[in-house]
Amino acid sequence: MRRAKNRTVKMSITVPLNIFNELERHLSYSQSRSAYISSAIEAKLGGDPIPTVSETSTLQLMAAILSREDADEKLKDFILTFFS
């Protein structure tokens, strides 16, 4: 019988409903909620923390807004004009 190199453990957590709903909207039907949460925990514990807004430079935030499809075009134009 083969044994997994890194076995899994079942755990139960409690999160606010709005976080749960946002996660559900973010994941597609075929994506694993457990894999997503495991990856987020691993990134946070493994020295690859996800920066908060306050830790992100203004230039990085502006670039993120420009790359978003749901950002208002007037805002994108303003940012491009501001930095040109």
PDB file of N, CA and C in Angstrom:
ATOM      1  N   MET A   1       0.838  -1.180   0.000  1.00  0.00           N
ATOM      2  CA  MET A   1       0.000   0.000   0.000  1.00  0.00           C
ATOM      3  C   MET A   1       0.889   1.252   0.000  1.00  0.00           C
ATOM      4  N   ARG A   2       0.549   2.212  -0.866  1.00  0.00           N
ATOM      5  CA  ARG A   2       1.293   3.470  -0.940  1.00  0.00           C
ATOM      6  C   ARG A   2       0.812   4.414   0.147  1.00  0.00           C
ATOM      7  N   ARG A   3       1.749   5.164   0.689  1.00  0.00           N
ATOM      8  CA  ARG A   3       1.395   6.183   1.675  1.00  0.00           C
ATOM      9  C   ARG A   3       1.718   7.555   1.099  1.00  0.00           C
ATOM     10  N   ALA A   4       0.869   8.499   1.402  1.00  0.00           N
ATOM     11  CA  ALA A   4       1.087   9.865   0.931  1.00  0.00           C
ATOM     12  C   ALA A   4       2.302  10.451   1.636  1.00  0.00           C
ATOM     13  N   LYS A   5       3.101  11.223   0.905  1.00  0.00           N
ATOM     14  CA  LYS A   5       4.269  11.869   1.498  1.00  0.00           C
ATOM     15  C   LYS A   5       3.844  12.912   2.521  1.00  0.00           C
ATOM     16  N   ASN A   6       2.752  13.580   2.250  1.00  0.00           N
ATOM     17  CA  ASN A   6       2.259  14.620   3.152  1.00  0.00           C
ATOM     18  C   ASN A   6       0.765  14.389   3.337  1.00  0.00           C
ATOM     19  N   ARG A   7       0.426  13.576   4.321  1.00  0.00           N
ATOM     20  CA  ARG A   7      -0.981  13.220   4.510  1.00  0.00           C
ATOM     21  C   ARG A   7      -1.801  14.449   4.896  1.00  0.00           C
ATOM     22  N   THR A   8      -3.073  14.376   4.714  1.00  0.00           N
ATOM     23  CA  THR A   8      -3.970  15.488   5.051  1.00  0.00           C
ATOM     24  C   THR A   8      -4.679  15.201   6.369  1.00  0.00           C
ATOM     25  N   VAL A   9      -5.104  16.280   7.007  1.00  0.00           N
ATOM     26  CA  VAL A   9      -5.806  16.189   8.281  1.00  0.00           C
ATOM     27  C   VAL A   9      -7.088  16.999   8.163  1.00  0.00           C
ATOM     28  N   LYS A  10      -8.183  16.421   8.585  1.00  0.00           N
ATOM     29  CA  LYS A  10      -9.452  17.128   8.565  1.00  0.00           C
ATOM     30  C   LYS A  10      -9.498  18.091   9.740  1.00  0.00           C
ATOM     31  N   MET A  11      -9.953  19.329   9.475  1.00  0.00           N
ATOM     32  CA  MET A  11     -10.093  20.306  10.545  1.00  0.00           C
ATOM     33  C   MET A  11     -11.340  21.131  10.309  1.00  0.00           C
ATOM     34  N   SER A  12     -11.806  21.745  11.344  1.00  0.00           N
ATOM     35  CA  SER A  12     -12.999  22.582  11.254  1.00  0.00           C
ATOM     36  C   SER A  12     -12.619  23.990  11.692  1.00  0.00           C
ATOM     37  N   ILE A  13     -13.051  24.987  10.918  1.00  0.00           N
ATOM     38  CA  ILE A  13     -12.775  26.381  11.263  1.00  0.00           C
ATOM     39  C   ILE A  13     -14.071  27.176  11.172  1.00  0.00           C
ATOM     40  N   THR A  14     -14.055  28.317  11.815  1.00  0.00           N
ATOM     41  CA  THR A  14     -15.198  29.215  11.766  1.00  0.00           C
ATOM     42  C   THR A  14     -14.736  30.536  11.171  1.00  0.00           C
ATOM     43  N   VAL A  15     -15.454  31.010  10.160  1.00  0.00           N
ATOM     44  CA  VAL A  15     -15.128  32.290   9.522  1.00  0.00           C
ATOM     45  C   VAL A  15     -16.413  33.116   9.422  1.00  0.00           C
ATOM     46  N   PRO A  16     -16.258  34.429   9.353  1.00  0.00           N
ATOM     47  CA  PRO A  16     -17.447  35.264   9.156  1.00  0.00           C
ATOM     48  C   PRO A  16     -18.151  34.914   7.841  1.00  0.00           C
ATOM     49  N   LEU A  17     -19.457  35.033   7.843  1.00  0.00           N
ATOM     50  CA  LEU A  17     -20.260  34.673   6.677  1.00  0.00           C
ATOM     51  C   LEU A  17     -19.839  35.439   5.430  1.00  0.00           C
ATOM     52  N   ASN A  18     -19.503  36.733   5.573  1.00  0.00           N
ATOM     53  CA  ASN A  18     -19.118  37.507   4.384  1.00  0.00           C
ATOM     54  C   ASN A  18     -17.820  36.979   3.764  1.00  0.00           C
ATOM     55  N   ILE A  19     -16.889  36.493   4.573  1.00  0.00           N
ATOM     56  CA  ILE A  19     -15.654  35.910   4.033  1.00  0.00           C
ATOM     57  C   ILE A  19     -15.968  34.600   3.325  1.00  0.00           C
ATOM     58  N   PHE A  20     -16.806  33.782   3.941  1.00  0.00           N
ATOM     59  CA  PHE A  20     -17.201  32.525   3.309  1.00  0.00           C
ATOM     60  C   PHE A  20     -17.871  32.774   1.959  1.00  0.00           C
ATOM     61  N   ASN A  21     -18.800  33.721   1.925  1.00  0.00           N
ATOM     62  CA  ASN A  21     -19.510  34.023   0.675  1.00  0.00           C
ATOM     63  C   ASN A  21     -18.557  34.552  -0.392  1.00  0.00           C
ATOM     64  N   GLU A  22     -17.607  35.390   0.016  1.00  0.00           N
ATOM     65  CA  GLU A  22     -16.629  35.913  -0.950  1.00  0.00           C
ATOM     66  C   GLU A  22     -15.764  34.783  -1.506  1.00  0.00           C
ATOM     67  N   LEU A  23     -15.365  33.866  -0.648  1.00  0.00           N
ATOM     68  CA  LEU A  23     -14.583  32.714  -1.103  1.00  0.00           C
ATOM     69  C   LEU A  23     -15.386  31.876  -2.086  1.00  0.00           C
ATOM     70  N   GLU A  24     -16.636  31.641  -1.786  1.00  0.00           N
ATOM     71  CA  GLU A  24     -17.491  30.857  -2.675  1.00  0.00           C
ATOM     72  C   GLU A  24     -17.640  31.531  -4.045  1.00  0.00           C
ATOM     73  N   ARG A  25     -17.769  32.851  -4.062  1.00  0.00           N
ATOM     74  CA  ARG A  25     -17.865  33.571  -5.339  1.00  0.00           C
ATOM     75  C   ARG A  25     -16.539  33.534  -6.101  1.00  0.00           C
ATOM     76  N   HIS A  26     -15.439  33.514  -5.372  1.00  0.00           N
ATOM     77  CA  HIS A  26     -14.110  33.550  -5.990  1.00  0.00           C
ATOM     78  C   HIS A  26     -13.750  32.228  -6.659  1.00  0.00           C
ATOM     79  N   LEU A  27     -14.124  31.126  -6.046  1.00  0.00           N
ATOM     80  CA  LEU A  27     -13.755  29.809  -6.567  1.00  0.00           C
ATOM     81  C   LEU A  27     -14.753  29.331  -7.615  1.00  0.00           C
ATOM     82  N   SER A  28     -14.228  28.664  -8.629  1.00  0.00           N
ATOM     83  CA  SER A  28     -15.116  28.038  -9.605  1.00  0.00           C
ATOM     84  C   SER A  28     -15.623  26.725  -9.027  1.00  0.00           C
ATOM     85  N   TYR A  29     -16.610  26.145  -9.678  1.00  0.00           N
ATOM     86  CA  TYR A  29     -17.216  24.897  -9.207  1.00  0.00           C
ATOM     87  C   TYR A  29     -16.180  23.783  -9.087  1.00  0.00           C
ATOM     88  N   SER A  30     -15.189  23.782  -9.980  1.00  0.00           N
ATOM     89  CA  SER A  30     -14.212  22.691  -9.992  1.00  0.00           C
ATOM     90  C   SER A  30     -13.016  22.936  -9.066  1.00  0.00           C
ATOM     91  N   GLN A  31     -12.910  24.116  -8.469  1.00  0.00           N
ATOM     92  CA  GLN A  31     -11.785  24.400  -7.584  1.00  0.00           C
ATOM     93  C   GLN A  31     -12.054  23.899  -6.176  1.00  0.00           C
ATOM     94  N   SER A  32     -11.012  23.464  -5.521  1.00  0.00           N
ATOM     95  CA  SER A  32     -11.116  22.920  -4.170  1.00  0.00           C
ATOM     96  C   SER A  32     -10.977  24.027  -3.124  1.00  0.00           C
ATOM     97  N   ARG A  33     -11.977  24.141  -2.276  1.00  0.00           N
ATOM     98  CA  ARG A  33     -11.923  25.103  -1.179  1.00  0.00           C
ATOM     99  C   ARG A  33     -10.761  24.757  -0.248  1.00  0.00           C
ATOM    100  N   SER A  34     -10.585  23.474   0.045  1.00  0.00           N
ATOM    101  CA  SER A  34      -9.501  23.041   0.926  1.00  0.00           C
ATOM    102  C   SER A  34      -8.126  23.383   0.348  1.00  0.00           C
ATOM    103  N   ALA A  35      -7.950  23.152  -0.946  1.00  0.00           N
ATOM    104  CA  ALA A  35      -6.669  23.459  -1.582  1.00  0.00           C
ATOM    105  C   ALA A  35      -6.395  24.954  -1.547  1.00  0.00           C
ATOM    106  N   TYR A  36      -7.422  25.763  -1.771  1.00  0.00           N
ATOM    107  CA  TYR A  36      -7.257  27.218  -1.760  1.00  0.00           C
ATOM    108  C   TYR A  36      -6.856  27.698  -0.361  1.00  0.00           C
ATOM    109  N   ILE A  37      -7.551  27.214   0.661  1.00  0.00           N
ATOM    110  CA  ILE A  37      -7.252  27.629   2.034  1.00  0.00           C
ATOM    111  C   ILE A  37      -5.880  27.116   2.455  1.00  0.00           C
ATOM    112  N   SER A  38      -5.536  25.901   2.089  1.00  0.00           N
ATOM    113  CA  SER A  38      -4.211  25.355   2.406  1.00  0.00           C
ATOM    114  C   SER A  38      -3.113  26.192   1.775  1.00  0.00           C
ATOM    115  N   SER A  39      -3.323  26.584   0.527  1.00  0.00           N
ATOM    116  CA  SER A  39      -2.347  27.418  -0.172  1.00  0.00           C
ATOM    117  C   SER A  39      -2.193  28.779   0.498  1.00  0.00           C
ATOM    118  N   ALA A  40      -3.302  29.373   0.936  1.00  0.00           N
ATOM    119  CA  ALA A  40      -3.247  30.674   1.608  1.00  0.00           C
ATOM    120  C   ALA A  40      -2.508  30.563   2.942  1.00  0.00           C
ATOM    121  N   ILE A  41      -2.764  29.502   3.681  1.00  0.00           N
ATOM    122  CA  ILE A  41      -2.070  29.298   4.957  1.00  0.00           C
ATOM    123  C   ILE A  41      -0.584  29.079   4.714  1.00  0.00           C
ATOM    124  N   GLU A  42      -0.264  28.246   3.732  1.00  0.00           N
ATOM    125  CA  GLU A  42       1.136  27.974   3.411  1.00  0.00           C
ATOM    126  C   GLU A  42       1.872  29.246   3.001  1.00  0.00           C
ATOM    127  N   ALA A  43       1.221  30.093   2.206  1.00  0.00           N
ATOM    128  CA  ALA A  43       1.847  31.350   1.788  1.00  0.00           C
ATOM    129  C   ALA A  43       2.102  32.246   2.990  1.00  0.00           C
ATOM    130  N   LYS A  44       1.167  32.298   3.901  1.00  0.00           N
ATOM    131  CA  LYS A  44       1.302  33.159   5.087  1.00  0.00           C
ATOM    132  C   LYS A  44       2.368  32.625   6.033  1.00  0.00           C
ATOM    133  N   LEU A  45       2.428  31.321   6.228  1.00  0.00           N
ATOM    134  CA  LEU A  45       3.393  30.719   7.143  1.00  0.00           C
ATOM    135  C   LEU A  45       4.775  30.540   6.526  1.00  0.00           C
ATOM    136  N   GLY A  46       4.803  30.395   5.209  1.00  0.00           N
ATOM    137  CA  GLY A  46       6.045  30.074   4.531  1.00  0.00           C
ATOM    138  C   GLY A  46       6.922  31.255   4.179  1.00  0.00           C
ATOM    139  N   GLY A  47       6.649  32.393   4.744  1.00  0.00           N
ATOM    140  CA  GLY A  47       7.492  33.543   4.451  1.00  0.00           C
ATOM    141  C   GLY A  47       7.114  34.259   3.173  1.00  0.00           C
ATOM    142  N   ASP A  48       6.004  33.883   2.581  1.00  0.00           N
ATOM    143  CA  ASP A  48       5.535  34.529   1.367  1.00  0.00           C
ATOM    144  C   ASP A  48       4.211  35.217   1.681  1.00  0.00           C
ATOM    145  N   PRO A  49       4.240  36.161   2.651  1.00  0.00           N
ATOM    146  CA  PRO A  49       2.975  36.768   3.061  1.00  0.00           C
ATOM    147  C   PRO A  49       2.353  37.615   1.965  1.00  0.00           C
ATOM    148  N   ILE A  50       1.057  37.641   1.967  1.00  0.00           N
ATOM    149  CA  ILE A  50       0.322  38.483   1.038  1.00  0.00           C
ATOM    150  C   ILE A  50       0.300  39.882   1.637  1.00  0.00           C
ATOM    151  N   PRO A  51       0.847  40.878   0.933  1.00  0.00           N
ATOM    152  CA  PRO A  51       0.914  42.216   1.521  1.00  0.00           C
ATOM    153  C   PRO A  51      -0.473  42.840   1.693  1.00  0.00           C
ATOM    154  N   THR A  52      -0.609  43.613   2.742  1.00  0.00           N
ATOM    155  CA  THR A  52      -1.845  44.344   2.960  1.00  0.00           C
ATOM    156  C   THR A  52      -1.812  45.611   2.124  1.00  0.00           C
ATOM    157  N   VAL A  53      -2.934  46.280   2.022  1.00  0.00           N
ATOM    158  CA  VAL A  53      -3.002  47.528   1.254  1.00  0.00           C
ATOM    159  C   VAL A  53      -2.010  48.543   1.815  1.00  0.00           C
ATOM    160  N   SER A  54      -1.912  48.620   3.134  1.00  0.00           N
ATOM    161  CA  SER A  54      -1.005  49.600   3.737  1.00  0.00           C
ATOM    162  C   SER A  54       0.463  49.269   3.491  1.00  0.00           C
ATOM    163  N   GLU A  55       0.768  48.021   3.178  1.00  0.00           N
ATOM    164  CA  GLU A  55       2.140  47.610   2.887  1.00  0.00           C
ATOM    165  C   GLU A  55       2.493  47.738   1.402  1.00  0.00           C
ATOM    166  N   THR A  56       1.514  48.055   0.585  1.00  0.00           N
ATOM    167  CA  THR A  56       1.706  48.141  -0.858  1.00  0.00           C
ATOM    168  C   THR A  56       1.913  49.592  -1.261  1.00  0.00           C
ATOM    169  N   SER A  57       2.877  49.811  -2.166  1.00  0.00           N
ATOM    170  CA  SER A  57       3.149  51.179  -2.592  1.00  0.00           C
ATOM    171  C   SER A  57       1.997  51.722  -3.440  1.00  0.00           C
ATOM    172  N   THR A  58       1.907  53.037  -3.495  1.00  0.00           N
ATOM    173  CA  THR A  58       0.870  53.684  -4.299  1.00  0.00           C
ATOM    174  C   THR A  58       1.003  53.284  -5.768  1.00  0.00           C
ATOM    175  N   LEU A  59       2.223  53.222  -6.253  1.00  0.00           N
ATOM    176  CA  LEU A  59       2.452  52.834  -7.646  1.00  0.00           C
ATOM    177  C   LEU A  59       1.952  51.414  -7.909  1.00  0.00           C
ATOM    178  N   GLN A  60       2.193  50.508  -6.973  1.00  0.00           N
ATOM    179  CA  GLN A  60       1.703  49.129  -7.125  1.00  0.00           C
ATOM    180  C   GLN A  60       0.175  49.085  -7.106  1.00  0.00           C
ATOM    181  N   LEU A  61      -0.431  49.896  -6.244  1.00  0.00           N
ATOM    182  CA  LEU A  61      -1.893  49.945  -6.190  1.00  0.00           C
ATOM    183  C   LEU A  61      -2.467  50.486  -7.498  1.00  0.00           C
ATOM    184  N   MET A  62      -1.841  51.535  -8.033  1.00  0.00           N
ATOM    185  CA  MET A  62      -2.301  52.109  -9.304  1.00  0.00           C
ATOM    186  C   MET A  62      -2.182  51.071 -10.425  1.00  0.00           C
ATOM    187  N   ALA A  63      -1.071  50.343 -10.458  1.00  0.00           N
ATOM    188  CA  ALA A  63      -0.884  49.310 -11.484  1.00  0.00           C
ATOM    189  C   ALA A  63      -1.946  48.218 -11.348  1.00  0.00           C
ATOM    190  N   ALA A  64      -2.291  47.871 -10.101  1.00  0.00           N
ATOM    191  CA  ALA A  64      -3.319  46.860  -9.882  1.00  0.00           C
ATOM    192  C   ALA A  64      -4.664  47.337 -10.397  1.00  0.00           C
ATOM    193  N   ILE A  65      -4.983  48.601 -10.165  1.00  0.00           N
ATOM    194  CA  ILE A  65      -6.255  49.158 -10.652  1.00  0.00           C
ATOM    195  C   ILE A  65      -6.284  49.137 -12.177  1.00  0.00           C
ATOM    196  N   LEU A  66      -5.169  49.512 -12.806  1.00  0.00           N
ATOM    197  CA  LEU A  66      -5.112  49.525 -14.273  1.00  0.00           C
ATOM    198  C   LEU A  66      -5.303  48.132 -14.869  1.00  0.00           C
ATOM    199  N   SER A  67      -4.890  47.101 -14.143  1.00  0.00           N
ATOM    200  CA  SER A  67      -4.995  45.741 -14.682  1.00  0.00           C
ATOM    201  C   SER A  67      -6.353  45.099 -14.429  1.00  0.00           C
ATOM    202  N   ARG A  68      -7.177  45.724 -13.611  1.00  0.00           N
ATOM    203  CA  ARG A  68      -8.490  45.151 -13.303  1.00  0.00           C
ATOM    204  C   ARG A  68      -9.497  45.453 -14.411  1.00  0.00           C
ATOM    205  N   GLU A  69     -10.284  44.454 -14.744  1.00  0.00           N
ATOM    206  CA  GLU A  69     -11.304  44.626 -15.774  1.00  0.00           C
ATOM    207  C   GLU A  69     -12.504  45.397 -15.258  1.00  0.00           C
ATOM    208  N   ASP A  70     -12.744  45.355 -13.945  1.00  0.00           N
ATOM    209  CA  ASP A  70     -13.923  46.005 -13.401  1.00  0.00           C
ATOM    210  C   ASP A  70     -13.674  47.455 -12.969  1.00  0.00           C
ATOM    211  N   ALA A  71     -12.468  47.962 -13.198  1.00  0.00           N
ATOM    212  CA  ALA A  71     -12.167  49.352 -12.832  1.00  0.00           C
ATOM    213  C   ALA A  71     -12.784  50.306 -13.844  1.00  0.00           C
ATOM    214  N   ASP A  72     -13.275  51.409 -13.355  1.00  0.00           N
ATOM    215  CA  ASP A  72     -13.900  52.432 -14.184  1.00  0.00           C
ATOM    216  C   ASP A  72     -12.871  53.015 -15.171  1.00  0.00           C
ATOM    217  N   GLU A  73     -13.273  53.196 -16.410  1.00  0.00           N
ATOM    218  CA  GLU A  73     -12.366  53.720 -17.438  1.00  0.00           C
ATOM    219  C   GLU A  73     -11.898  55.143 -17.132  1.00  0.00           C
ATOM    220  N   LYS A  74     -12.770  55.957 -16.526  1.00  0.00           N
ATOM    221  CA  LYS A  74     -12.371  57.322 -16.160  1.00  0.00           C
ATOM    222  C   LYS A  74     -11.268  57.300 -15.122  1.00  0.00           C
ATOM    223  N   LEU A  75     -11.344  56.376 -14.184  1.00  0.00           N
ATOM    224  CA  LEU A  75     -10.298  56.234 -13.179  1.00  0.00           C
ATOM    225  C   LEU A  75      -8.990  55.805 -13.822  1.00  0.00           C
ATOM    226  N   LYS A  76      -9.073  54.860 -14.758  1.00  0.00           N
ATOM    227  CA  LYS A  76      -7.868  54.415 -15.470  1.00  0.00           C
ATOM    228  C   LYS A  76      -7.245  55.577 -16.242  1.00  0.00           C
ATOM    229  N   ASP A  77      -8.071  56.361 -16.923  1.00  0.00           N
ATOM    230  CA  ASP A  77      -7.565  57.524 -17.662  1.00  0.00           C
ATOM    231  C   ASP A  77      -6.891  58.525 -16.729  1.00  0.00           C
ATOM    232  N   PHE A  78      -7.501  58.756 -15.572  1.00  0.00           N
ATOM    233  CA  PHE A  78      -6.930  59.676 -14.590  1.00  0.00           C
ATOM    234  C   PHE A  78      -5.557  59.191 -14.132  1.00  0.00           C
ATOM    235  N   ILE A  79      -5.459  57.904 -13.825  1.00  0.00           N
ATOM    236  CA  ILE A  79      -4.173  57.348 -13.367  1.00  0.00           C
ATOM    237  C   ILE A  79      -3.116  57.481 -14.452  1.00  0.00           C
ATOM    238  N   LEU A  80      -3.469  57.143 -15.686  1.00  0.00           N
ATOM    239  CA  LEU A  80      -2.494  57.248 -16.781  1.00  0.00           C
ATOM    240  C   LEU A  80      -2.082  58.689 -17.014  1.00  0.00           C
ATOM    241  N   THR A  81      -3.015  59.627 -16.904  1.00  0.00           N
ATOM    242  CA  THR A  81      -2.696  61.048 -17.068  1.00  0.00           C
ATOM    243  C   THR A  81      -1.811  61.521 -15.922  1.00  0.00           C
ATOM    244  N   PHE A  82      -2.117  61.092 -14.720  1.00  0.00           N
ATOM    245  CA  PHE A  82      -1.352  61.483 -13.535  1.00  0.00           C
ATOM    246  C   PHE A  82       0.103  61.063 -13.621  1.00  0.00           C
ATOM    247  N   PHE A  83       0.358  59.864 -14.154  1.00  0.00           N
ATOM    248  CA  PHE A  83       1.719  59.338 -14.216  1.00  0.00           C
ATOM    249  C   PHE A  83       2.439  59.607 -15.532  1.00  0.00           C
ATOM    250  N   SER A  84       1.812  60.342 -16.433  1.00  0.00           N
ATOM    251  CA  SER A  84       2.500  60.641 -17.710  1.00  0.00           C
ATOM    252  C   SER A  84       3.104  62.024 -17.711  1.00  0.00           C
TER     253      SER A  84
END
